[in-house]
Protein backbone atom coordinates (compact mmCIF):
# COMPACT_ATOMS: atom_id res chain seq x y z
CA MET A 1 0.06 0.02 -0.09
CA MET A 2 2.84 2.36 0.87
CA LYS A 3 4.43 1.45 -2.46
CA ILE A 4 1.12 2.52 -4.18
CA GLY A 5 0.81 5.86 -2.34
CA LYS A 6 4.21 6.91 -3.45
CA ARG A 7 3.14 6.07 -7.06
CA VAL A 8 0.23 8.41 -6.88
CA THR A 9 2.06 11.18 -5.21
CA ALA A 10 4.72 10.73 -8.08
CA VAL A 11 2.18 10.97 -10.81
CA LEU A 12 0.41 14.18 -9.22
CA LEU A 13 3.74 15.75 -8.72
CA TYR A 14 4.60 15.07 -12.38
CA LEU A 15 1.47 16.17 -13.90
CA ILE A 16 1.83 19.54 -11.81
CA LEU A 17 5.49 19.76 -13.01
CA VAL A 18 4.40 19.05 -16.61
CA SER A 19 1.75 21.74 -16.25
CA LEU A 20 4.30 24.43 -15.08
CA PHE A 21 6.76 23.79 -17.60
CA LEU A 22 4.17 23.75 -20.56
CA GLY A 23 2.27 26.57 -19.21
CA LEU A 24 -0.84 24.87 -18.63
CA ARG A 25 -3.52 25.82 -16.05
CA ILE A 26 -3.52 22.93 -13.73
CA GLY A 27 -7.56 23.74 -13.17
CA GLU A 28 -7.85 23.25 -16.77
CA LEU A 29 -6.06 19.79 -16.80
CA LEU A 30 -7.66 18.28 -13.95
CA ASP A 31 -11.44 17.87 -13.87
CA ILE A 32 -13.12 16.17 -10.59
CA GLY A 33 -16.13 15.10 -12.37
CA GLN A 34 -14.38 13.21 -15.03
CA ILE A 35 -11.87 11.67 -12.59
CA LEU A 36 -14.81 10.37 -10.67
CA LEU A 37 -16.48 9.22 -13.74
CA VAL A 38 -13.22 7.22 -14.73
CA PHE A 39 -12.65 5.64 -11.03
CA ALA A 40 -16.16 4.69 -10.89
CA GLY A 41 -16.42 2.87 -14.13
CA GLY A 42 -13.04 1.14 -13.21
CA MET A 43 -14.67 0.04 -9.87
CA MET A 44 -18.02 -1.15 -11.74
CA LEU A 45 -15.87 -3.17 -14.22
CA TYR A 46 -13.46 -4.57 -11.43
CA MET A 47 -16.48 -5.73 -9.08
CA ALA A 48 -18.27 -7.33 -12.30
CA GLY A 49 -15.16 -9.27 -13.10
CA ILE A 50 -14.94 -10.73 -9.41
CA GLU A 51 -17.01 -13.70 -8.97
CA LYS A 52 -19.30 -14.23 -5.89
CA GLY A 53 -17.44 -16.79 -4.17
CA ASP A 54 -14.32 -14.69 -3.93
CA TRP A 55 -15.32 -11.75 -1.97
CA ARG A 56 -15.05 -13.17 1.28
CA LYS A 57 -11.57 -14.84 0.61
CA ARG A 58 -10.16 -11.67 -1.13
CA ARG A 59 -7.64 -10.09 1.60
CA LYS A 60 -6.97 -6.93 -0.62
CA PRO A 61 -7.98 -5.50 -4.32
CA ASP A 62 -6.36 -6.71 -7.27
CA TRP A 63 -4.62 -3.21 -7.95
CA LYS A 64 -3.62 -4.02 -11.51
CA MET A 65 -6.90 -5.35 -12.53
CA LEU A 66 -8.52 -2.49 -10.92
CA ALA A 67 -6.15 0.05 -12.83
CA ARG A 68 -6.80 -1.86 -16.19
CA ASP A 69 -10.38 -1.59 -15.85
CA ALA A 70 -9.98 2.09 -15.12
CA VAL A 71 -8.16 2.67 -18.32
CA TYR A 72 -11.24 0.70 -20.00
CA ALA A 73 -13.86 3.07 -18.27
CA SER A 74 -11.81 6.25 -19.51
CA PHE A 75 -12.07 4.92 -23.13
CA ILE A 76 -15.82 4.88 -22.69
CA VAL A 77 -15.91 8.32 -20.88
CA THR A 78 -13.84 9.74 -23.39
CA PHE A 79 -16.02 8.59 -26.47
CA VAL A 80 -19.18 9.58 -24.91
CA LEU A 81 -18.05 13.11 -24.28
CA LEU A 82 -16.68 13.45 -27.92
CA PHE A 83 -19.80 11.99 -29.05
CA LEU A 84 -22.14 14.51 -27.22
CA MET A 85 -19.59 17.41 -28.35
CA LEU A 86 -19.89 16.43 -32.13
CA SER A 87 -23.53 15.69 -32.09
CA GLU A 88 -24.88 18.41 -29.82
CA GLY A 89 -21.82 20.77 -29.45
CA ARG A 90 -21.95 20.19 -25.75
CA MET A 91 -18.45 20.60 -23.89
CA ALA A 92 -17.12 18.93 -20.93
CA GLY A 93 -16.55 20.26 -17.35
CA GLY A 94 -19.29 23.04 -17.50
CA GLU A 95 -17.26 24.88 -20.07
CA GLY A 96 -20.44 25.93 -21.94
CA ASP A 97 -22.25 24.92 -25.18
CA LEU A 98 -20.61 25.33 -28.39
CA ALA A 99 -22.36 27.83 -31.24
CA GLU A 100 -24.59 25.94 -33.51
CA GLY A 101 -22.59 24.73 -36.25
CA MET A 102 -19.18 25.29 -34.64
CA ALA A 103 -18.61 21.54 -34.23
CA TYR A 104 -18.52 21.25 -37.86
CA ASP A 105 -16.43 24.46 -38.66
CA GLY A 106 -13.28 23.62 -39.94
CA THR A 107 -11.95 27.22 -40.78
CA VAL A 108 -9.25 28.81 -39.14
CA GLY A 109 -10.33 31.33 -36.49
CA ALA A 110 -12.12 31.50 -33.04
CA LYS A 111 -14.73 28.67 -33.95
CA ALA A 112 -12.10 26.36 -34.86
CA ARG A 113 -9.74 27.38 -31.72
CA SER A 114 -12.82 26.72 -29.61
CA PHE A 115 -13.49 23.44 -31.58
CA MET A 116 -10.20 22.08 -30.90
CA ARG A 117 -9.82 23.21 -27.23
CA GLY A 118 -13.32 21.27 -26.60
CA ILE A 119 -11.75 18.26 -28.10
CA ALA A 120 -8.68 18.81 -25.93
CA LEU A 121 -11.01 19.05 -22.65
CA ASN A 122 -13.09 16.25 -23.52
CA MET A 123 -10.09 13.75 -23.67
CA ARG A 124 -8.85 14.54 -20.29
CA PRO A 125 -10.58 11.10 -19.32
CA LEU A 126 -7.67 9.22 -20.95
CA LEU A 127 -5.18 11.15 -19.12
CA TYR A 128 -6.65 10.28 -16.18
CA GLY A 129 -6.98 6.35 -16.93
CA ILE A 130 -3.41 6.39 -17.95
CA CYS A 131 -2.39 8.02 -14.69
CA ILE A 132 -4.39 5.62 -12.57
CA TRP A 133 -2.81 2.79 -14.65
CA ILE A 134 0.72 3.93 -13.75
CA ALA A 135 -0.18 4.62 -10.08
CA LEU A 136 -2.01 1.17 -9.27
CA GLY A 137 -1.10 -1.24 -12.15
CA GLY A 138 2.57 -1.20 -11.88
CA ASP A 139 4.42 -4.74 -11.68
CA GLU A 140 5.26 -5.47 -8.05
CA GLU A 141 8.70 -7.00 -7.51
CA LYS A 142 8.65 -10.73 -6.69
CA LYS A 143 11.37 -12.64 -5.16
CA ARG A 144 12.12 -15.88 -7.53
CA ASP A 145 14.72 -18.83 -7.01
CA PRO A 146 17.89 -18.41 -9.09
CA GLY A 147 17.07 -21.64 -10.84
CA ARG A 148 13.40 -20.40 -12.18
CA LYS A 149 12.85 -18.76 -15.37
CA LYS A 150 13.40 -15.02 -15.63
CA GLU A 151 10.51 -12.90 -14.62
CA THR A 152 9.51 -11.48 -17.95
CA GLU A 153 9.66 -14.84 -19.70
CA GLU A 154 7.49 -16.50 -17.07
CA GLU A 155 5.04 -13.67 -16.94
CA TRP A 156 4.67 -13.08 -20.76
CA THR A 157 4.15 -17.12 -20.98
CA ALA A 158 1.21 -16.96 -18.28
CA GLN A 159 -0.27 -13.78 -20.13
CA GLU A 160 -0.46 -16.01 -23.40
CA ALA A 161 -1.88 -18.88 -21.80
CA PHE A 162 -4.54 -16.72 -19.81
CA ARG A 163 -5.69 -14.97 -23.00
CA ARG A 164 -5.91 -18.47 -24.63
CA PHE A 165 -7.94 -20.12 -22.13
CA LEU A 166 -10.19 -17.01 -22.44
CA GLU A 167 -10.61 -17.76 -26.25
CA LEU A 168 -11.61 -21.25 -25.47
CA GLY A 169 -14.40 -20.26 -23.60
CA LEU A 170 -13.52 -20.09 -19.86
CA THR A 171 -14.23 -17.38 -17.24
CA ARG A 172 -11.39 -15.01 -15.84
CA ARG A 173 -11.41 -16.91 -13.01
CA GLU A 174 -11.31 -20.18 -14.50
CA ALA A 175 -8.58 -19.10 -16.99
CA GLU A 176 -6.56 -18.00 -13.71
CA ILE A 177 -6.94 -21.50 -12.43
CA ALA A 178 -6.09 -23.10 -15.66
CA VAL A 179 -2.97 -21.17 -15.91
CA GLN A 180 -1.93 -22.29 -12.35
CA MET A 181 -2.81 -25.78 -12.92
CA CYS A 182 -0.49 -25.58 -16.04
CA LYS A 183 2.41 -24.34 -13.53
CA GLY A 184 1.78 -27.50 -11.61
CA LEU A 185 0.27 -26.12 -8.61
CA SER A 186 -2.04 -28.29 -6.38
CA ASN A 187 -5.55 -27.10 -5.36
CA LYS A 188 -4.23 -26.27 -2.06
CA GLU A 189 -1.69 -23.87 -3.52
CA ILE A 190 -3.69 -22.44 -6.24
CA ALA A 191 -6.08 -21.61 -3.21
CA LEU A 192 -3.44 -19.92 -1.44
CA GLU A 193 -2.17 -18.01 -4.64
CA LEU A 194 -5.48 -16.68 -5.68
CA ASN A 195 -6.74 -16.12 -2.19
CA ILE A 196 -9.97 -18.33 -2.39
CA SER A 197 -11.10 -21.49 -0.75
CA GLU A 198 -9.86 -25.17 -1.84
CA ALA A 199 -13.60 -25.96 -2.44
CA THR A 200 -14.16 -22.99 -4.84
CA VAL A 201 -10.82 -24.13 -6.69
CA LYS A 202 -12.18 -27.90 -6.92
CA LYS A 203 -15.38 -26.37 -8.46
CA HIS A 204 -13.68 -24.22 -10.82
CA ILE A 205 -11.96 -27.17 -11.74
CA SER A 206 -14.56 -29.22 -12.35
CA HIS A 207 -15.97 -26.52 -14.92
CA ILE A 208 -12.57 -26.09 -16.63
CA PHE A 209 -12.63 -30.00 -17.28
CA GLU A 210 -16.20 -29.81 -18.88
CA LYS A 211 -15.51 -26.70 -20.99
CA LEU A 212 -12.27 -28.13 -22.18
CA ASP A 213 -13.30 -31.67 -22.63
CA VAL A 214 -10.30 -33.04 -20.90
CA GLU A 215 -10.32 -35.61 -18.02
CA LYS A 216 -6.87 -34.99 -16.63
CA ARG A 217 -4.70 -31.94 -15.40
CA GLN A 218 -1.84 -32.81 -17.82
CA GLU A 219 -4.43 -32.56 -20.70
CA ILE A 220 -5.14 -28.91 -19.91
CA MET A 221 -1.93 -27.61 -21.34
CA GLU A 222 -2.35 -29.61 -24.68
CA ARG A 223 -5.58 -27.28 -25.22
CA LEU A 224 -3.06 -24.28 -25.56
CA THR A 225 -1.82 -25.62 -28.77
C-alpha cells in the first residue's frame, strides 16, 4: 500500500510539473467530475469481474486489474464526451455549449480554436485512465529462486496462456486457475495463490474440465496449442 501511495504522489507531482513547464493551468488539466467517472467506471468493471465466492476470501484489491478496468472506463467516458460534443455541441466540465454549427466548422479562427479546445477538454479522461494505470498497475517485484525462469519470460507465458484460455470459453477466474494448473500447482497451492477456498478451486476445475473436454490436469496444457 505504501508503494501505491508513493506512485500516486509521483504521478500528481509530475502532472503539476508538466503543467508548469508547458504553461498549462492545472485547473484545466484536472476535472474532478471526470476523474470520479473514470474511477467509478473502473470500480464497476472490477467488481463485475470478481465472482461471488471470491469476495470473502479476497484479502486486498487486485490493483492491477482495477487499474486496467479504469483505463477501459476512460475510453468509454472519452467516447461519450466526444460523441456529445460532435452531435450536440456540448463541451465537458461545464465549459458551456458550442455555438450552432461550430462543431462542424473547419475554418481557422475563433470557432476552430474553440472546437479544438473542446476536443482537448473531452479527452482528459484518457489522461486520468493512464495515470491510474501508472499509479496502481505497476508490476510488483517478486522474489524468485535463481533456478527458475526469468520473470519477464514467465509472466509473458502466463499472459499468453490466460488469453488463450479465455478464447477457449473459460471465465476469467477459470482461466487464472487453468494457468496455475499448467504451472503444476496443487489445489491447495492455487487456493493460497488466488486467495480463495480450496472448495472453490475444485468447483472451478470441474467446470474447466467440462468446458475443455478433458479428464486429466495434464491434458489442459495441450489445449493451448
